Amino acid sequence: MATMPEAITIYEVGARDGLQNEKTVVPVEVKATFIRRLIDAGLETVELTSFVPPSWIPQLADATELMELLDDVGKGPKRPVLVPNERGLDNAIAAGVGAVAVFGSATETFARKNLNRSVDESLAMFAPVVSRAQEAGLWVRGYVSMCFGDPWEGPVPIAQVVDVCRKLMDLGCDQLSLGDTIGVATPGHVTALLAALDDKGIGSDRIGVHFHDTYGQALSNTVTALSHGIRVVDASTGGLGGCPYAKSATGNLATEDLVWMCRGLGIETGVDLEKLVETSVWMAEQLRRPSPSRVVKALAG
């Protein structure tokens, strides 16, 4: 396909977004092994964990211990961690991270449920986080959730999403991730949002896309985004993940499904699919349930 890129970057979120909603706490040693296997399979960009208060997401309460176990591979701009505020940033810097991400919302309801703040209050909280991270030489990503729909507010106006994206990027983030948190996006909606962002000076070279597969549209939406210049795609090995604050948020786009599609399009990902499938099967055994990824099911037999 003439509009497709020669290569893309897969931003792997399985270790953080994929595991954060697990009810049974996954041992930190298992998480460390999972991450090492992801890296060994060729996934260069891997989001490791989140430095949030244990009461927020108990599954990620072991962030500092995890970073210690990953001391040799857990640093640098391709190993980001999520930080909600300055305290989280302090802990992340103390752990020696090289990249951080903040997690905002395009809607007021989710901003309240996720951070107990309005959208503007959340942005004000992120401002010193981003500036201090930059001063420390860290790469910074800004997530915007609920970009296409919100379980409480319904469809989200494109102009509203663009406004929040613009404000977040104005803080100084290096990259923006557009989140289809509940998986309601369609290719036409993706096209319209990307065009609107481009009109406001946020080009596709600064954007990643983060699709959930609730309605089976994640791959279709990804192809659409790639045809519009996007070169960074978020995905979760095994299709793990959801959102602890949005119960209708089903699993992320499975990394294996994305890699399989890219193979067919002649797009390089740098990923060893066989190793990745083996990792997903192993992780499914740790979680005691099968992987929802169709490619994993097909190749693992």
C-alpha atoms as a PDB file:
ATOM      1  CA  MET A   1       0.000   0.000   0.000  1.00  0.00           C
ATOM      2  CA  ALA A   2       1.528   3.265  -1.147  1.00  0.00           C
ATOM      3  CA  THR A   3       0.464   5.220   1.946  1.00  0.00           C
ATOM      4  CA  MET A   4       1.917   2.756   4.440  1.00  0.00           C
ATOM      5  CA  PRO A   5       5.240   3.413   6.229  1.00  0.00           C
ATOM      6  CA  GLU A   6       8.306   1.219   5.839  1.00  0.00           C
ATOM      7  CA  ALA A   7       8.588   0.828   9.608  1.00  0.00           C
ATOM      8  CA  ILE A   8       6.769   1.767  12.809  1.00  0.00           C
ATOM      9  CA  THR A   9       7.562   1.945  16.499  1.00  0.00           C
ATOM     10  CA  ILE A  10       5.453  -0.256  18.734  1.00  0.00           C
ATOM     11  CA  TYR A  11       5.016   1.383  22.121  1.00  0.00           C
ATOM     12  CA  GLU A  12       4.496  -1.677  24.320  1.00  0.00           C
ATOM     13  CA  VAL A  13       2.148  -1.068  27.263  1.00  0.00           C
ATOM     14  CA  GLY A  14       1.543  -4.622  28.457  1.00  0.00           C
ATOM     15  CA  ALA A  15       3.656  -4.402  31.592  1.00  0.00           C
ATOM     16  CA  ARG A  16       1.866  -1.276  32.826  1.00  0.00           C
ATOM     17  CA  ASP A  17      -1.527  -0.819  31.164  1.00  0.00           C
ATOM     18  CA  GLY A  18      -1.854  -4.528  30.534  1.00  0.00           C
ATOM     19  CA  LEU A  19      -1.337  -5.606  34.137  1.00  0.00           C
ATOM     20  CA  GLN A  20      -2.710  -2.652  36.100  1.00  0.00           C
ATOM     21  CA  ASN A  21      -6.273  -3.968  36.135  1.00  0.00           C
ATOM     22  CA  GLU A  22      -5.402  -7.496  37.273  1.00  0.00           C
ATOM     23  CA  LYS A  23      -7.217  -8.305  40.498  1.00  0.00           C
ATOM     24  CA  THR A  24      -4.621 -10.824  41.645  1.00  0.00           C
ATOM     25  CA  VAL A  25      -1.287  -9.160  42.360  1.00  0.00           C
ATOM     26  CA  VAL A  26       1.377 -10.380  39.957  1.00  0.00           C
ATOM     27  CA  PRO A  27       4.719 -11.025  41.719  1.00  0.00           C
ATOM     28  CA  VAL A  28       7.346  -8.417  40.922  1.00  0.00           C
ATOM     29  CA  GLU A  29       9.743 -11.126  39.742  1.00  0.00           C
ATOM     30  CA  VAL A  30       7.174 -12.239  37.160  1.00  0.00           C
ATOM     31  CA  LYS A  31       6.780  -8.660  35.952  1.00  0.00           C
ATOM     32  CA  ALA A  32      10.537  -8.281  35.588  1.00  0.00           C
ATOM     33  CA  THR A  33      10.784 -11.525  33.625  1.00  0.00           C
ATOM     34  CA  PHE A  34       7.863 -10.438  31.434  1.00  0.00           C
ATOM     35  CA  ILE A  35       9.593  -7.166  30.593  1.00  0.00           C
ATOM     36  CA  ARG A  36      12.901  -8.851  29.847  1.00  0.00           C
ATOM     37  CA  ARG A  37      11.141 -11.273  27.516  1.00  0.00           C
ATOM     38  CA  LEU A  38       9.393  -8.396  25.735  1.00  0.00           C
ATOM     39  CA  ILE A  39      12.721  -6.663  25.163  1.00  0.00           C
ATOM     40  CA  ASP A  40      14.322  -9.918  24.012  1.00  0.00           C
ATOM     41  CA  ALA A  41      11.488 -10.333  21.481  1.00  0.00           C
ATOM     42  CA  GLY A  42      12.511  -7.053  19.869  1.00  0.00           C
ATOM     43  CA  LEU A  43      10.215  -4.546  21.537  1.00  0.00           C
ATOM     44  CA  GLU A  44      12.526  -1.597  22.079  1.00  0.00           C
ATOM     45  CA  THR A  45      10.004   0.803  23.630  1.00  0.00           C
ATOM     46  CA  VAL A  46       8.401  -0.733  26.719  1.00  0.00           C
ATOM     47  CA  GLU A  47       6.433   1.192  29.332  1.00  0.00           C
ATOM     48  CA  LEU A  48       7.497  -0.430  32.579  1.00  0.00           C
ATOM     49  CA  THR A  49       5.215   0.643  35.421  1.00  0.00           C
ATOM     50  CA  SER A  50       3.551   3.578  37.131  1.00  0.00           C
ATOM     51  CA  PHE A  51       4.707   5.518  40.189  1.00  0.00           C
ATOM     52  CA  VAL A  52       1.286   6.038  41.731  1.00  0.00           C
ATOM     53  CA  PRO A  53       0.146   5.760  45.359  1.00  0.00           C
ATOM     54  CA  PRO A  54      -0.440   2.069  46.242  1.00  0.00           C
ATOM     55  CA  SER A  55      -4.042   2.856  47.172  1.00  0.00           C
ATOM     56  CA  TRP A  56      -4.732   4.001  43.602  1.00  0.00           C
ATOM     57  CA  ILE A  57      -3.497   0.919  41.770  1.00  0.00           C
ATOM     58  CA  PRO A  58      -2.303  -1.806  44.179  1.00  0.00           C
ATOM     59  CA  GLN A  59      -0.996  -3.880  41.265  1.00  0.00           C
ATOM     60  CA  LEU A  60       1.705  -1.271  40.609  1.00  0.00           C
ATOM     61  CA  ALA A  61       2.738  -0.646  44.211  1.00  0.00           C
ATOM     62  CA  ASP A  62       6.034  -2.418  43.539  1.00  0.00           C
ATOM     63  CA  ALA A  63       7.341   0.149  41.024  1.00  0.00           C
ATOM     64  CA  THR A  64      10.542   0.945  42.917  1.00  0.00           C
ATOM     65  CA  GLU A  65      11.340  -2.722  43.516  1.00  0.00           C
ATOM     66  CA  LEU A  66      10.657  -3.516  39.861  1.00  0.00           C
ATOM     67  CA  MET A  67      13.053  -0.807  38.704  1.00  0.00           C
ATOM     68  CA  GLU A  68      15.739  -2.270  40.951  1.00  0.00           C
ATOM     69  CA  LEU A  69      15.246  -5.679  39.334  1.00  0.00           C
ATOM     70  CA  LEU A  70      15.505  -4.041  35.907  1.00  0.00           C
ATOM     71  CA  ASP A  71      18.522  -1.910  36.701  1.00  0.00           C
ATOM     72  CA  ASP A  72      20.421  -3.018  33.592  1.00  0.00           C
ATOM     73  CA  VAL A  73      17.538  -2.586  31.097  1.00  0.00           C
ATOM     74  CA  GLY A  74      15.077  -0.217  32.760  1.00  0.00           C
ATOM     75  CA  LYS A  75      16.651   3.135  31.991  1.00  0.00           C
ATOM     76  CA  GLY A  76      16.779   5.466  29.021  1.00  0.00           C
ATOM     77  CA  PRO A  77      14.208   7.195  26.794  1.00  0.00           C
ATOM     78  CA  LYS A  78      12.739   3.892  25.589  1.00  0.00           C
ATOM     79  CA  ARG A  79      11.733   2.688  29.062  1.00  0.00           C
ATOM     80  CA  PRO A  80       9.084   5.185  30.203  1.00  0.00           C
ATOM     81  CA  VAL A  81       7.086   5.050  33.417  1.00  0.00           C
ATOM     82  CA  LEU A  82       3.811   6.752  34.239  1.00  0.00           C
ATOM     83  CA  VAL A  83       3.820   9.511  36.867  1.00  0.00           C
ATOM     84  CA  PRO A  84       0.653  11.310  38.029  1.00  0.00           C
ATOM     85  CA  ASN A  85       2.220  14.191  39.938  1.00  0.00           C
ATOM     86  CA  GLU A  86       5.454  15.663  41.288  1.00  0.00           C
ATOM     87  CA  ARG A  87       5.742  13.082  44.047  1.00  0.00           C
ATOM     88  CA  GLY A  88       5.534  10.334  41.455  1.00  0.00           C
ATOM     89  CA  LEU A  89       8.166  12.138  39.417  1.00  0.00           C
ATOM     90  CA  ASP A  90      10.461  12.374  42.451  1.00  0.00           C
ATOM     91  CA  ASN A  91      10.186   8.626  42.993  1.00  0.00           C
ATOM     92  CA  ALA A  92      10.757   7.917  39.300  1.00  0.00           C
ATOM     93  CA  ILE A  93      13.859  10.117  39.152  1.00  0.00           C
ATOM     94  CA  ALA A  94      15.177   8.467  42.305  1.00  0.00           C
ATOM     95  CA  ALA A  95      14.747   5.119  40.555  1.00  0.00           C
ATOM     96  CA  GLY A  96      16.873   6.344  37.664  1.00  0.00           C
ATOM     97  CA  VAL A  97      14.277   6.423  34.879  1.00  0.00           C
ATOM     98  CA  GLY A  98      14.988   8.075  31.537  1.00  0.00           C
ATOM     99  CA  ALA A  99      11.428   8.812  30.405  1.00  0.00           C
ATOM    100  CA  VAL A 100       8.063   9.570  31.972  1.00  0.00           C
ATOM    101  CA  ALA A 101       4.441   9.908  30.911  1.00  0.00           C
ATOM    102  CA  VAL A 102       1.504  11.856  32.325  1.00  0.00           C
ATOM    103  CA  PHE A 103      -2.058  10.653  31.886  1.00  0.00           C
ATOM    104  CA  GLY A 104      -4.743  13.253  31.173  1.00  0.00           C
ATOM    105  CA  SER A 105      -8.344  13.140  30.023  1.00  0.00           C
ATOM    106  CA  ALA A 106     -10.388  14.772  27.289  1.00  0.00           C
ATOM    107  CA  THR A 107     -13.498  14.663  29.493  1.00  0.00           C
ATOM    108  CA  GLU A 108     -14.344  16.145  32.859  1.00  0.00           C
ATOM    109  CA  THR A 109     -16.015  13.038  34.275  1.00  0.00           C
ATOM    110  CA  PHE A 110     -13.062  10.758  33.669  1.00  0.00           C
ATOM    111  CA  ALA A 111     -10.617  13.409  34.882  1.00  0.00           C
ATOM    112  CA  ARG A 112     -12.520  13.421  38.171  1.00  0.00           C
ATOM    113  CA  LYS A 113     -12.675   9.638  38.436  1.00  0.00           C
ATOM    114  CA  ASN A 114      -9.040   9.124  37.467  1.00  0.00           C
ATOM    115  CA  LEU A 115      -7.269  12.014  39.223  1.00  0.00           C
ATOM    116  CA  ASN A 116     -10.013  13.617  41.328  1.00  0.00           C
ATOM    117  CA  ARG A 117      -9.471  16.873  39.456  1.00  0.00           C
ATOM    118  CA  SER A 118     -11.031  18.794  36.614  1.00  0.00           C
ATOM    119  CA  VAL A 119      -9.334  18.759  33.223  1.00  0.00           C
ATOM    120  CA  ASP A 120      -7.781  22.182  33.841  1.00  0.00           C
ATOM    121  CA  GLU A 121      -6.724  21.227  37.378  1.00  0.00           C
ATOM    122  CA  SER A 122      -5.095  18.090  35.972  1.00  0.00           C
ATOM    123  CA  LEU A 123      -3.172  20.111  33.409  1.00  0.00           C
ATOM    124  CA  ALA A 124      -2.030  22.487  36.148  1.00  0.00           C
ATOM    125  CA  MET A 125      -0.779  19.491  38.125  1.00  0.00           C
ATOM    126  CA  PHE A 126       1.100  18.172  35.082  1.00  0.00           C
ATOM    127  CA  ALA A 127       2.815  21.488  34.308  1.00  0.00           C
ATOM    128  CA  PRO A 128       5.588  21.262  36.938  1.00  0.00           C
ATOM    129  CA  VAL A 129       5.946  17.535  36.291  1.00  0.00           C
ATOM    130  CA  VAL A 130       6.687  18.107  32.613  1.00  0.00           C
ATOM    131  CA  SER A 131       8.974  21.096  33.186  1.00  0.00           C
ATOM    132  CA  ARG A 132      10.957  19.359  35.911  1.00  0.00           C
ATOM    133  CA  ALA A 133      11.216  16.192  33.839  1.00  0.00           C
ATOM    134  CA  GLN A 134      12.606  18.219  30.951  1.00  0.00           C
ATOM    135  CA  GLU A 135      15.095  19.937  33.237  1.00  0.00           C
ATOM    136  CA  ALA A 136      16.236  16.484  34.356  1.00  0.00           C
ATOM    137  CA  GLY A 137      16.794  15.485  30.724  1.00  0.00           C
ATOM    138  CA  LEU A 138      13.881  13.042  30.585  1.00  0.00           C
ATOM    139  CA  TRP A 139      11.749  12.275  27.527  1.00  0.00           C
ATOM    140  CA  VAL A 140       8.094  13.083  28.233  1.00  0.00           C
ATOM    141  CA  ARG A 141       4.900  11.605  26.819  1.00  0.00           C
ATOM    142  CA  GLY A 142       1.389  12.959  27.346  1.00  0.00           C
ATOM    143  CA  TYR A 143      -1.591  10.594  27.270  1.00  0.00           C
ATOM    144  CA  VAL A 144      -5.072  11.906  26.532  1.00  0.00           C
ATOM    145  CA  SER A 145      -7.749   9.362  27.382  1.00  0.00           C
ATOM    146  CA  MET A 146     -11.383   9.303  26.205  1.00  0.00           C
ATOM    147  CA  CYS A 147     -10.497  10.873  22.858  1.00  0.00           C
ATOM    148  CA  PHE A 148     -13.358   9.196  21.002  1.00  0.00           C
ATOM    149  CA  GLY A 149     -15.988   8.391  23.592  1.00  0.00           C
ATOM    150  CA  ASP A 150     -16.635   8.403  27.317  1.00  0.00           C
ATOM    151  CA  PRO A 151     -18.839   5.852  29.173  1.00  0.00           C
ATOM    152  CA  TRP A 152     -20.451   8.639  31.199  1.00  0.00           C
ATOM    153  CA  GLU A 153     -20.532  11.521  28.727  1.00  0.00           C
ATOM    154  CA  GLY A 154     -20.970   9.644  25.460  1.00  0.00           C
ATOM    155  CA  PRO A 155     -19.365  10.847  22.197  1.00  0.00           C
ATOM    156  CA  VAL A 156     -16.631  13.417  22.784  1.00  0.00           C
ATOM    157  CA  PRO A 157     -16.567  16.458  20.448  1.00  0.00           C
ATOM    158  CA  ILE A 158     -13.406  16.615  18.355  1.00  0.00           C
ATOM    159  CA  ALA A 159     -12.893  20.292  19.207  1.00  0.00           C
ATOM    160  CA  GLN A 160     -12.899  19.401  22.909  1.00  0.00           C
ATOM    161  CA  VAL A 161     -10.285  16.695  22.392  1.00  0.00           C
ATOM    162  CA  VAL A 162      -8.091  18.976  20.296  1.00  0.00           C
ATOM    163  CA  ASP A 163      -8.244  21.698  22.948  1.00  0.00           C
ATOM    164  CA  VAL A 164      -6.997  19.348  25.674  1.00  0.00           C
ATOM    165  CA  CYS A 165      -4.316  17.911  23.378  1.00  0.00           C
ATOM    166  CA  ARG A 166      -3.077  21.360  22.472  1.00  0.00           C
ATOM    167  CA  LYS A 167      -2.876  22.431  26.121  1.00  0.00           C
ATOM    168  CA  LEU A 168      -1.031  19.267  27.103  1.00  0.00           C
ATOM    169  CA  MET A 169       1.492  19.604  24.290  1.00  0.00           C
ATOM    170  CA  ASP A 170       1.981  23.269  25.118  1.00  0.00           C
ATOM    171  CA  LEU A 171       3.340  22.114  28.487  1.00  0.00           C
ATOM    172  CA  GLY A 172       6.302  20.687  26.589  1.00  0.00           C
ATOM    173  CA  CYS A 173       5.572  16.995  26.029  1.00  0.00           C
ATOM    174  CA  ASP A 174       7.659  15.283  23.367  1.00  0.00           C
ATOM    175  CA  GLN A 175       4.890  12.964  22.245  1.00  0.00           C
ATOM    176  CA  LEU A 176       1.101  12.750  22.470  1.00  0.00           C
ATOM    177  CA  SER A 177      -0.832   9.485  22.769  1.00  0.00           C
ATOM    178  CA  LEU A 178      -4.474   9.518  21.648  1.00  0.00           C
ATOM    179  CA  GLY A 179      -6.446   7.060  23.747  1.00  0.00           C
ATOM    180  CA  ASP A 180      -9.576   5.279  22.578  1.00  0.00           C
ATOM    181  CA  THR A 181     -10.115   4.169  26.144  1.00  0.00           C
ATOM    182  CA  ILE A 182     -13.420   2.338  25.657  1.00  0.00           C
ATOM    183  CA  GLY A 183     -12.788   1.190  22.089  1.00  0.00           C
ATOM    184  CA  VAL A 184     -15.546   3.087  20.277  1.00  0.00           C
ATOM    185  CA  ALA A 185     -13.406   4.781  17.607  1.00  0.00           C
ATOM    186  CA  THR A 186     -13.991   4.130  13.903  1.00  0.00           C
ATOM    187  CA  PRO A 187     -11.713   4.914  10.938  1.00  0.00           C
ATOM    188  CA  GLY A 188     -13.716   7.994   9.948  1.00  0.00           C
ATOM    189  CA  HIS A 189     -13.490   9.404  13.462  1.00  0.00           C
ATOM    190  CA  VAL A 190      -9.752   8.705  13.567  1.00  0.00           C
ATOM    191  CA  THR A 191      -9.277  10.538  10.269  1.00  0.00           C
ATOM    192  CA  ALA A 192     -11.252  13.545  11.468  1.00  0.00           C
ATOM    193  CA  LEU A 193      -9.369  13.847  14.765  1.00  0.00           C
ATOM    194  CA  LEU A 194      -5.937  13.550  13.168  1.00  0.00           C
ATOM    195  CA  ALA A 195      -6.864  16.178  10.588  1.00  0.00           C
ATOM    196  CA  ALA A 196      -8.103  18.525  13.317  1.00  0.00           C
ATOM    197  CA  LEU A 197      -4.907  18.079  15.329  1.00  0.00           C
ATOM    198  CA  ASP A 198      -2.804  18.745  12.244  1.00  0.00           C
ATOM    199  CA  ASP A 199      -4.736  21.971  11.685  1.00  0.00           C
ATOM    200  CA  LYS A 200      -3.732  23.043  15.197  1.00  0.00           C
ATOM    201  CA  GLY A 201      -0.060  22.341  14.607  1.00  0.00           C
ATOM    202  CA  ILE A 202       0.178  18.896  16.208  1.00  0.00           C
ATOM    203  CA  GLY A 203       1.529  16.799  13.373  1.00  0.00           C
ATOM    204  CA  SER A 204       1.460  13.036  13.053  1.00  0.00           C
ATOM    205  CA  ASP A 205       5.202  12.882  13.749  1.00  0.00           C
ATOM    206  CA  ARG A 206       4.456  13.800  17.379  1.00  0.00           C
ATOM    207  CA  ILE A 207       1.489  11.474  17.872  1.00  0.00           C
ATOM    208  CA  GLY A 208       1.001   7.877  18.951  1.00  0.00           C
ATOM    209  CA  VAL A 209      -2.341   6.056  18.860  1.00  0.00           C
ATOM    210  CA  HIS A 210      -3.734   3.870  21.615  1.00  0.00           C
ATOM    211  CA  PHE A 211      -6.704   1.771  20.520  1.00  0.00           C
ATOM    212  CA  HIS A 212      -8.820  -0.680  22.485  1.00  0.00           C
ATOM    213  CA  ASP A 213     -10.620  -3.469  20.662  1.00  0.00           C
ATOM    214  CA  THR A 214     -14.057  -3.397  22.304  1.00  0.00           C
ATOM    215  CA  TYR A 215     -15.883  -3.244  18.952  1.00  0.00           C
ATOM    216  CA  GLY A 216     -13.206  -5.062  16.951  1.00  0.00           C
ATOM    217  CA  GLN A 217     -11.999  -1.864  15.292  1.00  0.00           C
ATOM    218  CA  ALA A 218      -8.473  -1.533  16.692  1.00  0.00           C
ATOM    219  CA  LEU A 219      -6.642  -2.842  13.615  1.00  0.00           C
ATOM    220  CA  SER A 220      -8.862  -0.917  11.193  1.00  0.00           C
ATOM    221  CA  ASN A 221      -8.257   2.245  13.169  1.00  0.00           C
ATOM    222  CA  THR A 222      -4.525   1.544  13.195  1.00  0.00           C
ATOM    223  CA  VAL A 223      -4.358   1.153   9.416  1.00  0.00           C
ATOM    224  CA  THR A 224      -6.229   4.442   9.082  1.00  0.00           C
ATOM    225  CA  ALA A 225      -3.816   6.185  11.451  1.00  0.00           C
ATOM    226  CA  LEU A 226      -0.780   4.789   9.613  1.00  0.00           C
ATOM    227  CA  SER A 227      -2.142   6.035   6.307  1.00  0.00           C
ATOM    228  CA  HIS A 228      -2.301   9.510   7.844  1.00  0.00           C
ATOM    229  CA  GLY A 229       1.338   9.553   8.883  1.00  0.00           C
ATOM    230  CA  ILE A 230       1.254   8.005  12.352  1.00  0.00           C
ATOM    231  CA  ARG A 231       4.384   5.986  13.074  1.00  0.00           C
ATOM    232  CA  VAL A 232       3.910   5.092  16.766  1.00  0.00           C
ATOM    233  CA  VAL A 233       1.288   2.553  17.814  1.00  0.00           C
ATOM    234  CA  ASP A 234       0.555   1.526  21.393  1.00  0.00           C
ATOM    235  CA  ALA A 235      -0.127  -2.170  21.894  1.00  0.00           C
ATOM    236  CA  SER A 236      -0.209  -4.709  24.691  1.00  0.00           C
ATOM    237  CA  THR A 237       1.307  -8.161  24.407  1.00  0.00           C
ATOM    238  CA  GLY A 238      -1.444 -10.750  24.602  1.00  0.00           C
ATOM    239  CA  GLY A 239      -4.102  -8.043  24.369  1.00  0.00           C
ATOM    240  CA  LEU A 240      -3.942  -7.549  28.132  1.00  0.00           C
ATOM    241  CA  GLY A 241      -5.381  -4.479  29.734  1.00  0.00           C
ATOM    242  CA  GLY A 242      -8.261  -2.212  30.442  1.00  0.00           C
ATOM    243  CA  CYS A 243      -8.769   0.706  32.755  1.00  0.00           C
ATOM    244  CA  PRO A 244      -9.500   0.442  36.482  1.00  0.00           C
ATOM    245  CA  TYR A 245     -11.666   3.580  36.328  1.00  0.00           C
ATOM    246  CA  ALA A 246     -13.658   2.736  33.169  1.00  0.00           C
ATOM    247  CA  LYS A 247     -15.236  -0.693  33.451  1.00  0.00           C
ATOM    248  CA  SER A 248     -16.248  -0.728  29.776  1.00  0.00           C
ATOM    249  CA  ALA A 249     -12.602  -0.484  28.711  1.00  0.00           C
ATOM    250  CA  THR A 250     -11.718  -3.912  27.387  1.00  0.00           C
ATOM    251  CA  GLY A 251      -8.319  -5.104  26.271  1.00  0.00           C
ATOM    252  CA  ASN A 252      -5.804  -3.135  24.292  1.00  0.00           C
ATOM    253  CA  LEU A 253      -4.824  -3.870  20.729  1.00  0.00           C
ATOM    254  CA  ALA A 254      -2.776  -7.066  20.978  1.00  0.00           C
ATOM    255  CA  THR A 255       0.854  -6.576  19.990  1.00  0.00           C
ATOM    256  CA  GLU A 256       0.884  -9.923  18.182  1.00  0.00           C
ATOM    257  CA  ASP A 257      -2.139  -8.959  16.094  1.00  0.00           C
ATOM    258  CA  LEU A 258      -0.450  -5.696  15.171  1.00  0.00           C
ATOM    259  CA  VAL A 259       2.807  -7.408  14.227  1.00  0.00           C
ATOM    260  CA  TRP A 260       0.974  -9.987  12.099  1.00  0.00           C
ATOM    261  CA  MET A 261      -0.859  -7.250  10.226  1.00  0.00           C
ATOM    262  CA  CYS A 262       2.337  -5.288   9.694  1.00  0.00           C
ATOM    263  CA  ARG A 263       4.034  -8.370   8.285  1.00  0.00           C
ATOM    264  CA  GLY A 264       1.320  -8.579   5.651  1.00  0.00           C
ATOM    265  CA  LEU A 265       1.727  -4.906   4.788  1.00  0.00           C
ATOM    266  CA  GLY A 266       5.493  -5.100   4.563  1.00  0.00           C
ATOM    267  CA  ILE A 267       5.935  -2.807   7.572  1.00  0.00           C
ATOM    268  CA  GLU A 268       8.978  -3.475   9.737  1.00  0.00           C
ATOM    269  CA  THR A 269       8.423  -3.658  13.499  1.00  0.00           C
ATOM    270  CA  GLY A 270      11.670  -5.274  14.646  1.00  0.00           C
ATOM    271  CA  VAL A 271       9.665  -7.852  16.593  1.00  0.00           C
ATOM    272  CA  ASP A 272      10.268 -11.610  16.622  1.00  0.00           C
ATOM    273  CA  LEU A 273       6.649 -12.768  16.500  1.00  0.00           C
ATOM    274  CA  GLU A 274       7.407 -16.329  17.548  1.00  0.00           C
ATOM    275  CA  LYS A 275       9.234 -15.174  20.685  1.00  0.00           C
ATOM    276  CA  LEU A 276       6.423 -12.762  21.456  1.00  0.00           C
ATOM    277  CA  VAL A 277       3.762 -15.466  21.157  1.00  0.00           C
ATOM    278  CA  GLU A 278       5.809 -17.674  23.481  1.00  0.00           C
ATOM    279  CA  THR A 279       5.934 -14.790  25.954  1.00  0.00           C
ATOM    280  CA  SER A 280       2.171 -14.298  25.767  1.00  0.00           C
ATOM    281  CA  VAL A 281       1.520 -17.985  26.354  1.00  0.00           C
ATOM    282  CA  TRP A 282       3.879 -17.881  29.343  1.00  0.00           C
ATOM    283  CA  MET A 283       2.196 -14.776  30.761  1.00  0.00           C
ATOM    284  CA  ALA A 284      -1.255 -16.289  30.260  1.00  0.00           C
ATOM    285  CA  GLU A 285      -0.093 -19.223  32.360  1.00  0.00           C
ATOM    286  CA  GLN A 286       0.993 -16.830  35.114  1.00  0.00           C
ATOM    287  CA  LEU A 287      -2.431 -15.160  35.002  1.00  0.00           C
ATOM    288  CA  ARG A 288      -4.197 -18.520  34.717  1.00  0.00           C
ATOM    289  CA  ARG A 289      -6.315 -17.610  31.727  1.00  0.00           C
ATOM    290  CA  PRO A 290      -5.881 -17.757  27.945  1.00  0.00           C
ATOM    291  CA  SER A 291      -4.626 -14.792  25.949  1.00  0.00           C
ATOM    292  CA  PRO A 292      -7.396 -12.893  24.129  1.00  0.00           C
ATOM    293  CA  SER A 293      -5.082 -12.261  21.155  1.00  0.00           C
ATOM    294  CA  ARG A 294      -6.339 -14.057  18.063  1.00  0.00           C
ATOM    295  CA  VAL A 295      -2.853 -14.386  16.653  1.00  0.00           C
ATOM    296  CA  VAL A 296      -1.619 -15.967  19.880  1.00  0.00           C
ATOM    297  CA  LYS A 297      -4.513 -18.438  19.760  1.00  0.00           C
ATOM    298  CA  ALA A 298      -3.796 -19.260  16.118  1.00  0.00           C
ATOM    299  CA  LEU A 299      -0.040 -19.673  16.400  1.00  0.00           C
ATOM    300  CA  ALA A 300       0.053 -21.307  19.827  1.00  0.00           C
ATOM    301  CA  GLY A 301      -2.474 -23.891  18.691  1.00  0.00           C
END
